[in-house]
């Protein structure tokens, strides 16, 4: 059985490997997908946009089968639009 750490690493790989539909060789996030322990106010964010931050959220037992766990995974996707302060165009 995979641990939460192994699972989030696989999710990071899926996010990193996602490509644009119009240009399959160009990755949307690529090497800018990071697994984090959490985000503090003074956290040094990566300089390249877009980037993705993944974090483990709450973990609960399954109501029907207490031997199973449900692990939340938090994905924060940061994007921008050049020339606009709010990222809108």
PDB file of N, CA and C in Angstrom:
ATOM      1  N   UNK A   1       0.842  -1.173   0.000  1.00  0.00           N
ATOM      2  CA  UNK A   1       0.000   0.000   0.000  1.00  0.00           C
ATOM      3  C   UNK A   1       0.893   1.245   0.000  1.00  0.00           C
ATOM      4  N   UNK A   2       0.545   2.214  -0.809  1.00  0.00           N
ATOM      5  CA  UNK A   2       1.340   3.432  -0.923  1.00  0.00           C
ATOM      6  C   UNK A   2       1.089   4.350   0.268  1.00  0.00           C
ATOM      7  N   UNK A   3       2.148   5.010   0.709  1.00  0.00           N
ATOM      8  CA  UNK A   3       2.009   5.985   1.781  1.00  0.00           C
ATOM      9  C   UNK A   3       1.509   7.308   1.197  1.00  0.00           C
ATOM     10  N   UNK A   4       1.107   8.220   2.074  1.00  0.00           N
ATOM     11  CA  UNK A   4       0.655   9.538   1.615  1.00  0.00           C
ATOM     12  C   UNK A   4       1.780  10.253   0.867  1.00  0.00           C
ATOM     13  N   UNK A   5       3.021  10.097   1.352  1.00  0.00           N
ATOM     14  CA  UNK A   5       4.173  10.730   0.695  1.00  0.00           C
ATOM     15  C   UNK A   5       4.361  10.181  -0.719  1.00  0.00           C
ATOM     16  N   UNK A   6       4.261   8.865  -0.896  1.00  0.00           N
ATOM     17  CA  UNK A   6       4.404   8.266  -2.223  1.00  0.00           C
ATOM     18  C   UNK A   6       3.285   8.736  -3.151  1.00  0.00           C
ATOM     19  N   UNK A   7       2.084   8.820  -2.608  1.00  0.00           N
ATOM     20  CA  UNK A   7       0.934   9.237  -3.414  1.00  0.00           C
ATOM     21  C   UNK A   7       1.073  10.678  -3.883  1.00  0.00           C
ATOM     22  N   UNK A   8       1.467  11.579  -2.981  1.00  0.00           N
ATOM     23  CA  UNK A   8       1.580  12.987  -3.384  1.00  0.00           C
ATOM     24  C   UNK A   8       2.720  13.179  -4.382  1.00  0.00           C
ATOM     25  N   UNK A   9       3.756  12.355  -4.305  1.00  0.00           N
ATOM     26  CA  UNK A   9       4.833  12.426  -5.297  1.00  0.00           C
ATOM     27  C   UNK A   9       4.317  12.002  -6.679  1.00  0.00           C
ATOM     28  N   UNK A  10       3.429  11.018  -6.729  1.00  0.00           N
ATOM     29  CA  UNK A  10       2.832  10.603  -7.997  1.00  0.00           C
ATOM     30  C   UNK A  10       1.920  11.699  -8.559  1.00  0.00           C
ATOM     31  N   UNK A  11       1.166  12.362  -7.685  1.00  0.00           N
ATOM     32  CA  UNK A  11       0.315  13.477  -8.127  1.00  0.00           C
ATOM     33  C   UNK A  11       1.193  14.601  -8.661  1.00  0.00           C
ATOM     34  N   UNK A  12       2.317  14.883  -7.992  1.00  0.00           N
ATOM     35  CA  UNK A  12       3.243  15.919  -8.474  1.00  0.00           C
ATOM     36  C   UNK A  12       3.738  15.571  -9.872  1.00  0.00           C
ATOM     37  N   UNK A  13       4.041  14.308 -10.108  1.00  0.00           N
ATOM     38  CA  UNK A  13       4.505  13.882 -11.433  1.00  0.00           C
ATOM     39  C   UNK A  13       3.422  14.083 -12.493  1.00  0.00           C
ATOM     40  N   UNK A  14       2.175  13.777 -12.156  1.00  0.00           N
ATOM     41  CA  UNK A  14       1.069  13.974 -13.094  1.00  0.00           C
ATOM     42  C   UNK A  14       0.924  15.457 -13.428  1.00  0.00           C
ATOM     43  N   UNK A  15       0.980  16.310 -12.405  1.00  0.00           N
ATOM     44  CA  UNK A  15       0.875  17.759 -12.619  1.00  0.00           C
ATOM     45  C   UNK A  15       2.060  18.248 -13.468  1.00  0.00           C
ATOM     46  N   UNK A  16       3.257  17.796 -13.142  1.00  0.00           N
ATOM     47  CA  UNK A  16       4.456  18.226 -13.870  1.00  0.00           C
ATOM     48  C   UNK A  16       4.436  17.778 -15.332  1.00  0.00           C
ATOM     49  N   UNK A  17       3.856  16.632 -15.608  1.00  0.00           N
ATOM     50  CA  UNK A  17       3.845  16.089 -16.973  1.00  0.00           C
ATOM     51  C   UNK A  17       2.697  16.606 -17.839  1.00  0.00           C
ATOM     52  N   UNK A  18       1.766  17.357 -17.260  1.00  0.00           N
ATOM     53  CA  UNK A  18       0.624  17.867 -18.040  1.00  0.00           C
ATOM     54  C   UNK A  18       1.123  18.795 -19.146  1.00  0.00           C
ATOM     55  N   UNK A  19       0.590  18.598 -20.341  1.00  0.00           N
ATOM     56  CA  UNK A  19       1.015  19.388 -21.499  1.00  0.00           C
ATOM     57  C   UNK A  19      -0.155  20.186 -22.059  1.00  0.00           C
ATOM     58  N   UNK A  20       0.177  21.231 -22.789  1.00  0.00           N
ATOM     59  CA  UNK A  20      -0.849  22.031 -23.465  1.00  0.00           C
ATOM     60  C   UNK A  20      -1.473  21.190 -24.575  1.00  0.00           C
ATOM     61  N   UNK A  21      -2.788  21.270 -24.737  1.00  0.00           N
ATOM     62  CA  UNK A  21      -3.455  20.472 -25.770  1.00  0.00           C
ATOM     63  C   UNK A  21      -3.029  20.887 -27.180  1.00  0.00           C
ATOM     64  N   UNK A  22      -2.677  22.154 -27.354  1.00  0.00           N
ATOM     65  CA  UNK A  22      -2.282  22.639 -28.675  1.00  0.00           C
ATOM     66  C   UNK A  22      -0.806  22.396 -28.970  1.00  0.00           C
ATOM     67  N   UNK A  23      -0.029  22.058 -27.937  1.00  0.00           N
ATOM     68  CA  UNK A  23       1.398  21.824 -28.114  1.00  0.00           C
ATOM     69  C   UNK A  23       1.859  20.767 -27.111  1.00  0.00           C
ATOM     70  N   UNK A  24       1.597  19.493 -27.391  1.00  0.00           N
ATOM     71  CA  UNK A  24       1.854  18.418 -26.438  1.00  0.00           C
ATOM     72  C   UNK A  24       3.289  18.325 -25.928  1.00  0.00           C
ATOM     73  N   UNK A  25       4.257  18.857 -26.656  1.00  0.00           N
ATOM     74  CA  UNK A  25       5.636  18.781 -26.188  1.00  0.00           C
ATOM     75  C   UNK A  25       5.955  19.865 -25.148  1.00  0.00           C
ATOM     76  N   UNK A  26       5.085  20.875 -25.033  1.00  0.00           N
ATOM     77  CA  UNK A  26       5.282  21.952 -24.054  1.00  0.00           C
ATOM     78  C   UNK A  26       4.515  21.639 -22.777  1.00  0.00           C
ATOM     79  N   UNK A  27       5.239  21.515 -21.674  1.00  0.00           N
ATOM     80  CA  UNK A  27       4.620  21.226 -20.379  1.00  0.00           C
ATOM     81  C   UNK A  27       4.028  22.507 -19.780  1.00  0.00           C
ATOM     82  N   UNK A  28       2.887  22.378 -19.142  1.00  0.00           N
ATOM     83  CA  UNK A  28       2.243  23.526 -18.503  1.00  0.00           C
ATOM     84  C   UNK A  28       3.049  23.946 -17.278  1.00  0.00           C
ATOM     85  N   UNK A  29       3.372  23.013 -16.418  1.00  0.00           N
ATOM     86  CA  UNK A  29       4.092  23.292 -15.182  1.00  0.00           C
ATOM     87  C   UNK A  29       5.536  22.799 -15.256  1.00  0.00           C
ATOM     88  N   UNK A  30       5.759  21.625 -15.783  1.00  0.00           N
ATOM     89  CA  UNK A  30       7.109  21.070 -15.898  1.00  0.00           C
ATOM     90  C   UNK A  30       7.778  20.903 -14.542  1.00  0.00           C
ATOM     91  N   UNK A  31       9.014  21.369 -14.440  1.00  0.00           N
ATOM     92  CA  UNK A  31       9.789  21.214 -13.208  1.00  0.00           C
ATOM     93  C   UNK A  31       9.335  22.146 -12.089  1.00  0.00           C
ATOM     94  N   UNK A  32       8.307  22.923 -12.314  1.00  0.00           N
ATOM     95  CA  UNK A  32       7.845  23.882 -11.306  1.00  0.00           C
ATOM     96  C   UNK A  32       6.649  23.371 -10.518  1.00  0.00           C
ATOM     97  N   UNK A  33       6.634  22.084 -10.214  1.00  0.00           N
ATOM     98  CA  UNK A  33       5.628  21.481  -9.334  1.00  0.00           C
ATOM     99  C   UNK A  33       6.351  21.054  -8.067  1.00  0.00           C
ATOM    100  N   UNK A  34       5.919  21.589  -6.927  1.00  0.00           N
ATOM    101  CA  UNK A  34       6.630  21.373  -5.670  1.00  0.00           C
ATOM    102  C   UNK A  34       5.704  20.790  -4.618  1.00  0.00           C
ATOM    103  N   UNK A  35       6.222  19.833  -3.846  1.00  0.00           N
ATOM    104  CA  UNK A  35       5.517  19.321  -2.680  1.00  0.00           C
ATOM    105  C   UNK A  35       6.010  20.130  -1.496  1.00  0.00           C
ATOM    106  N   UNK A  36       5.079  20.717  -0.737  1.00  0.00           N
ATOM    107  CA  UNK A  36       5.449  21.582   0.382  1.00  0.00           C
ATOM    108  C   UNK A  36       4.862  21.047   1.680  1.00  0.00           C
ATOM    109  N   UNK A  37       5.440  21.467   2.772  1.00  0.00           N
ATOM    110  CA  UNK A  37       4.908  21.103   4.089  1.00  0.00           C
ATOM    111  C   UNK A  37       3.835  22.096   4.513  1.00  0.00           C
ATOM    112  N   UNK A  38       3.714  23.195   3.817  1.00  0.00           N
ATOM    113  CA  UNK A  38       2.749  24.241   4.149  1.00  0.00           C
ATOM    114  C   UNK A  38       3.285  25.565   3.651  1.00  0.00           C
ATOM    115  N   UNK A  39       2.449  26.572   3.685  1.00  0.00           N
ATOM    116  CA  UNK A  39       2.873  27.877   3.186  1.00  0.00           C
ATOM    117  C   UNK A  39       2.755  28.894   4.318  1.00  0.00           C
ATOM    118  N   UNK A  40       3.852  29.509   4.621  1.00  0.00           N
ATOM    119  CA  UNK A  40       3.879  30.587   5.608  1.00  0.00           C
ATOM    120  C   UNK A  40       3.904  31.912   4.854  1.00  0.00           C
ATOM    121  N   UNK A  41       3.657  33.001   5.560  1.00  0.00           N
ATOM    122  CA  UNK A  41       3.645  34.316   4.906  1.00  0.00           C
ATOM    123  C   UNK A  41       4.990  34.667   4.280  1.00  0.00           C
ATOM    124  N   UNK A  42       6.088  34.221   4.899  1.00  0.00           N
ATOM    125  CA  UNK A  42       7.410  34.571   4.381  1.00  0.00           C
ATOM    126  C   UNK A  42       7.996  33.464   3.500  1.00  0.00           C
ATOM    127  N   UNK A  43       7.156  32.570   3.013  1.00  0.00           N
ATOM    128  CA  UNK A  43       7.595  31.468   2.163  1.00  0.00           C
ATOM    129  C   UNK A  43       8.171  32.020   0.858  1.00  0.00           C
ATOM    130  N   UNK A  44       9.326  31.545   0.470  1.00  0.00           N
ATOM    131  CA  UNK A  44       9.958  31.990  -0.775  1.00  0.00           C
ATOM    132  C   UNK A  44       9.333  31.224  -1.940  1.00  0.00           C
ATOM    133  N   UNK A  45       8.496  31.895  -2.692  1.00  0.00           N
ATOM    134  CA  UNK A  45       7.829  31.253  -3.823  1.00  0.00           C
ATOM    135  C   UNK A  45       8.776  31.140  -5.008  1.00  0.00           C
ATOM    136  N   UNK A  46       8.584  30.132  -5.830  1.00  0.00           N
ATOM    137  CA  UNK A  46       9.423  29.991  -7.028  1.00  0.00           C
ATOM    138  C   UNK A  46       9.270  31.207  -7.934  1.00  0.00           C
ATOM    139  N   UNK A  47      10.307  31.520  -8.682  1.00  0.00           N
ATOM    140  CA  UNK A  47      10.278  32.701  -9.536  1.00  0.00           C
ATOM    141  C   UNK A  47       9.572  32.501 -10.861  1.00  0.00           C
ATOM    142  N   UNK A  48       9.441  31.266 -11.313  1.00  0.00           N
ATOM    143  CA  UNK A  48       8.848  30.994 -12.630  1.00  0.00           C
ATOM    144  C   UNK A  48       7.348  30.782 -12.491  1.00  0.00           C
ATOM    145  N   UNK A  49       6.588  31.447 -13.325  1.00  0.00           N
ATOM    146  CA  UNK A  49       5.136  31.275 -13.364  1.00  0.00           C
ATOM    147  C   UNK A  49       4.809  30.654 -14.716  1.00  0.00           C
ATOM    148  N   UNK A  50       3.950  29.673 -14.794  1.00  0.00           N
ATOM    149  CA  UNK A  50       3.123  29.116 -13.731  1.00  0.00           C
ATOM    150  C   UNK A  50       3.899  28.104 -12.883  1.00  0.00           C
ATOM    151  N   UNK A  51       3.418  27.898 -11.653  1.00  0.00           N
ATOM    152  CA  UNK A  51       3.960  26.843 -10.812  1.00  0.00           C
ATOM    153  C   UNK A  51       2.839  26.258  -9.969  1.00  0.00           C
ATOM    154  N   UNK A  52       3.110  25.087  -9.409  1.00  0.00           N
ATOM    155  CA  UNK A  52       2.108  24.393  -8.609  1.00  0.00           C
ATOM    156  C   UNK A  52       2.724  23.995  -7.274  1.00  0.00           C
ATOM    157  N   UNK A  53       1.947  24.162  -6.205  1.00  0.00           N
ATOM    158  CA  UNK A  53       2.335  23.722  -4.872  1.00  0.00           C
ATOM    159  C   UNK A  53       1.368  22.647  -4.427  1.00  0.00           C
ATOM    160  N   UNK A  54       1.888  21.528  -3.971  1.00  0.00           N
ATOM    161  CA  UNK A  54       1.052  20.429  -3.486  1.00  0.00           C
ATOM    162  C   UNK A  54       1.340  20.206  -2.006  1.00  0.00           C
ATOM    163  N   UNK A  55       0.280  19.907  -1.265  1.00  0.00           N
ATOM    164  CA  UNK A  55       0.407  19.725   0.173  1.00  0.00           C
ATOM    165  C   UNK A  55      -0.587  18.660   0.608  1.00  0.00           C
ATOM    166  N   UNK A  56      -0.234  17.920   1.656  1.00  0.00           N
ATOM    167  CA  UNK A  56      -1.173  16.959   2.226  1.00  0.00           C
ATOM    168  C   UNK A  56      -2.142  17.688   3.143  1.00  0.00           C
ATOM    169  N   UNK A  57      -3.426  17.386   2.983  1.00  0.00           N
ATOM    170  CA  UNK A  57      -4.456  17.973   3.836  1.00  0.00           C
ATOM    171  C   UNK A  57      -4.877  16.984   4.908  1.00  0.00           C
ATOM    172  N   UNK A  58      -6.133  17.073   5.282  1.00  0.00           N
ATOM    173  CA  UNK A  58      -6.667  16.203   6.327  1.00  0.00           C
ATOM    174  C   UNK A  58      -6.704  14.751   5.882  1.00  0.00           C
ATOM    175  N   UNK A  59      -6.631  13.880   6.865  1.00  0.00           N
ATOM    176  CA  UNK A  59      -6.723  12.444   6.639  1.00  0.00           C
ATOM    177  C   UNK A  59      -7.796  11.895   7.575  1.00  0.00           C
ATOM    178  N   UNK A  60      -8.760  11.175   7.018  1.00  0.00           N
ATOM    179  CA  UNK A  60      -9.847  10.621   7.827  1.00  0.00           C
ATOM    180  C   UNK A  60     -10.028   9.145   7.503  1.00  0.00           C
ATOM    181  N   UNK A  61     -10.629   8.433   8.429  1.00  0.00           N
ATOM    182  CA  UNK A  61     -10.942   7.027   8.171  1.00  0.00           C
ATOM    183  C   UNK A  61     -12.250   6.938   7.398  1.00  0.00           C
ATOM    184  N   UNK A  62     -12.369   5.899   6.631  1.00  0.00           N
ATOM    185  CA  UNK A  62     -13.572   5.654   5.851  1.00  0.00           C
ATOM    186  C   UNK A  62     -14.694   5.201   6.787  1.00  0.00           C
ATOM    187  N   UNK A  63     -15.902   5.743   6.607  1.00  0.00           N
ATOM    188  CA  UNK A  63     -17.035   5.390   7.467  1.00  0.00           C
ATOM    189  C   UNK A  63     -17.411   3.913   7.349  1.00  0.00           C
ATOM    190  N   UNK A  64     -17.327   3.374   6.134  1.00  0.00           N
ATOM    191  CA  UNK A  64     -17.733   1.986   5.910  1.00  0.00           C
ATOM    192  C   UNK A  64     -16.625   0.981   6.227  1.00  0.00           C
ATOM    193  N   UNK A  65     -15.386   1.390   6.045  1.00  0.00           N
ATOM    194  CA  UNK A  65     -14.261   0.483   6.289  1.00  0.00           C
ATOM    195  C   UNK A  65     -13.164   1.242   7.034  1.00  0.00           C
ATOM    196  N   UNK A  66     -13.107   1.117   8.358  1.00  0.00           N
ATOM    197  CA  UNK A  66     -12.132   1.862   9.160  1.00  0.00           C
ATOM    198  C   UNK A  66     -10.673   1.536   8.841  1.00  0.00           C
ATOM    199  N   UNK A  67     -10.424   0.462   8.070  1.00  0.00           N
ATOM    200  CA  UNK A  67      -9.054   0.141   7.675  1.00  0.00           C
ATOM    201  C   UNK A  67      -8.578   1.005   6.503  1.00  0.00           C
ATOM    202  N   UNK A  68      -9.504   1.729   5.877  1.00  0.00           N
ATOM    203  CA  UNK A  68      -9.160   2.599   4.751  1.00  0.00           C
ATOM    204  C   UNK A  68      -9.084   4.045   5.219  1.00  0.00           C
ATOM    205  N   UNK A  69      -8.170   4.809   4.602  1.00  0.00           N
ATOM    206  CA  UNK A  69      -8.018   6.225   4.907  1.00  0.00           C
ATOM    207  C   UNK A  69      -8.331   7.059   3.675  1.00  0.00           C
ATOM    208  N   UNK A  70      -8.897   8.220   3.896  1.00  0.00           N
ATOM    209  CA  UNK A  70      -9.112   9.193   2.822  1.00  0.00           C
ATOM    210  C   UNK A  70      -8.160  10.361   3.087  1.00  0.00           C
ATOM    211  N   UNK A  71      -7.221  10.595   2.166  1.00  0.00           N
ATOM    212  CA  UNK A  71      -6.210  11.638   2.324  1.00  0.00           C
ATOM    213  C   UNK A  71      -6.502  12.774   1.363  1.00  0.00           C
ATOM    214  N   UNK A  72      -6.713  13.976   1.888  1.00  0.00           N
ATOM    215  CA  UNK A  72      -6.899  15.156   1.039  1.00  0.00           C
ATOM    216  C   UNK A  72      -5.548  15.617   0.519  1.00  0.00           C
ATOM    217  N   UNK A  73      -5.516  16.001  -0.749  1.00  0.00           N
ATOM    218  CA  UNK A  73      -4.327  16.589  -1.349  1.00  0.00           C
ATOM    219  C   UNK A  73      -4.717  17.977  -1.840  1.00  0.00           C
ATOM    220  N   UNK A  74      -3.956  18.975  -1.413  1.00  0.00           N
ATOM    221  CA  UNK A  74      -4.225  20.369  -1.771  1.00  0.00           C
ATOM    222  C   UNK A  74      -3.308  20.749  -2.933  1.00  0.00           C
ATOM    223  N   UNK A  75      -3.901  21.291  -3.989  1.00  0.00           N
ATOM    224  CA  UNK A  75      -3.138  21.752  -5.146  1.00  0.00           C
ATOM    225  C   UNK A  75      -3.392  23.243  -5.309  1.00  0.00           C
ATOM    226  N   UNK A  76      -2.317  24.023  -5.252  1.00  0.00           N
ATOM    227  CA  UNK A  76      -2.399  25.469  -5.492  1.00  0.00           C
ATOM    228  C   UNK A  76      -1.682  25.725  -6.803  1.00  0.00           C
ATOM    229  N   UNK A  77      -2.417  26.220  -7.781  1.00  0.00           N
ATOM    230  CA  UNK A  77      -1.850  26.523  -9.088  1.00  0.00           C
ATOM    231  C   UNK A  77      -1.719  28.031  -9.215  1.00  0.00           C
ATOM    232  N   UNK A  78      -0.507  28.512  -9.457  1.00  0.00           N
ATOM    233  CA  UNK A  78      -0.248  29.947  -9.555  1.00  0.00           C
ATOM    234  C   UNK A  78       0.050  30.285 -11.010  1.00  0.00           C
ATOM    235  N   UNK A  79      -0.760  31.184 -11.551  1.00  0.00           N
ATOM    236  CA  UNK A  79      -0.584  31.614 -12.936  1.00  0.00           C
ATOM    237  C   UNK A  79      -0.585  33.136 -12.984  1.00  0.00           C
ATOM    238  N   UNK A  80      -0.299  33.672 -14.117  1.00  0.00           N
ATOM    239  CA  UNK A  80      -0.307  35.120 -14.282  1.00  0.00           C
ATOM    240  C   UNK A  80      -0.560  35.483 -15.725  1.00  0.00           C
ATOM    241  N   UNK A  81      -0.978  36.718 -15.910  1.00  0.00           N
ATOM    242  CA  UNK A  81      -1.156  37.261 -17.255  1.00  0.00           C
ATOM    243  C   UNK A  81      -0.229  38.459 -17.363  1.00  0.00           C
ATOM    244  N   UNK A  82       0.675  38.389 -18.297  1.00  0.00           N
ATOM    245  CA  UNK A  82       1.665  39.443 -18.469  1.00  0.00           C
ATOM    246  C   UNK A  82       0.991  40.786 -18.719  1.00  0.00           C
ATOM    247  N   UNK A  83       1.434  41.808 -18.005  1.00  0.00           N
ATOM    248  CA  UNK A  83       0.933  43.153 -18.221  1.00  0.00           C
ATOM    249  C   UNK A  83      -0.282  43.513 -17.389  1.00  0.00           C
ATOM    250  N   UNK A  84      -0.714  42.639 -16.477  1.00  0.00           N
ATOM    251  CA  UNK A  84      -1.876  42.959 -15.656  1.00  0.00           C
ATOM    252  C   UNK A  84      -1.602  42.564 -14.216  1.00  0.00           C
ATOM    253  N   UNK A  85      -1.740  43.518 -13.290  1.00  0.00           N
ATOM    254  CA  UNK A  85      -1.414  43.297 -11.876  1.00  0.00           C
ATOM    255  C   UNK A  85      -2.207  42.170 -11.238  1.00  0.00           C
ATOM    256  N   UNK A  86      -3.440  41.966 -11.652  1.00  0.00           N
ATOM    257  CA  UNK A  86      -4.306  40.965 -11.030  1.00  0.00           C
ATOM    258  C   UNK A  86      -4.337  39.658 -11.811  1.00  0.00           C
ATOM    259  N   UNK A  87      -3.555  39.559 -12.873  1.00  0.00           N
ATOM    260  CA  UNK A  87      -3.530  38.331 -13.643  1.00  0.00           C
ATOM    261  C   UNK A  87      -4.725  38.149 -14.541  1.00  0.00           C
ATOM    262  N   UNK A  88      -5.441  39.245 -14.803  1.00  0.00           N
ATOM    263  CA  UNK A  88      -6.607  39.185 -15.676  1.00  0.00           C
ATOM    264  C   UNK A  88      -6.275  39.839 -17.000  1.00  0.00           C
ATOM    265  N   UNK A  89      -7.046  39.500 -18.004  1.00  0.00           N
ATOM    266  CA  UNK A  89      -6.795  40.106 -19.314  1.00  0.00           C
ATOM    267  C   UNK A  89      -8.095  40.416 -19.999  1.00  0.00           C
TER     268      UNK A  89
END
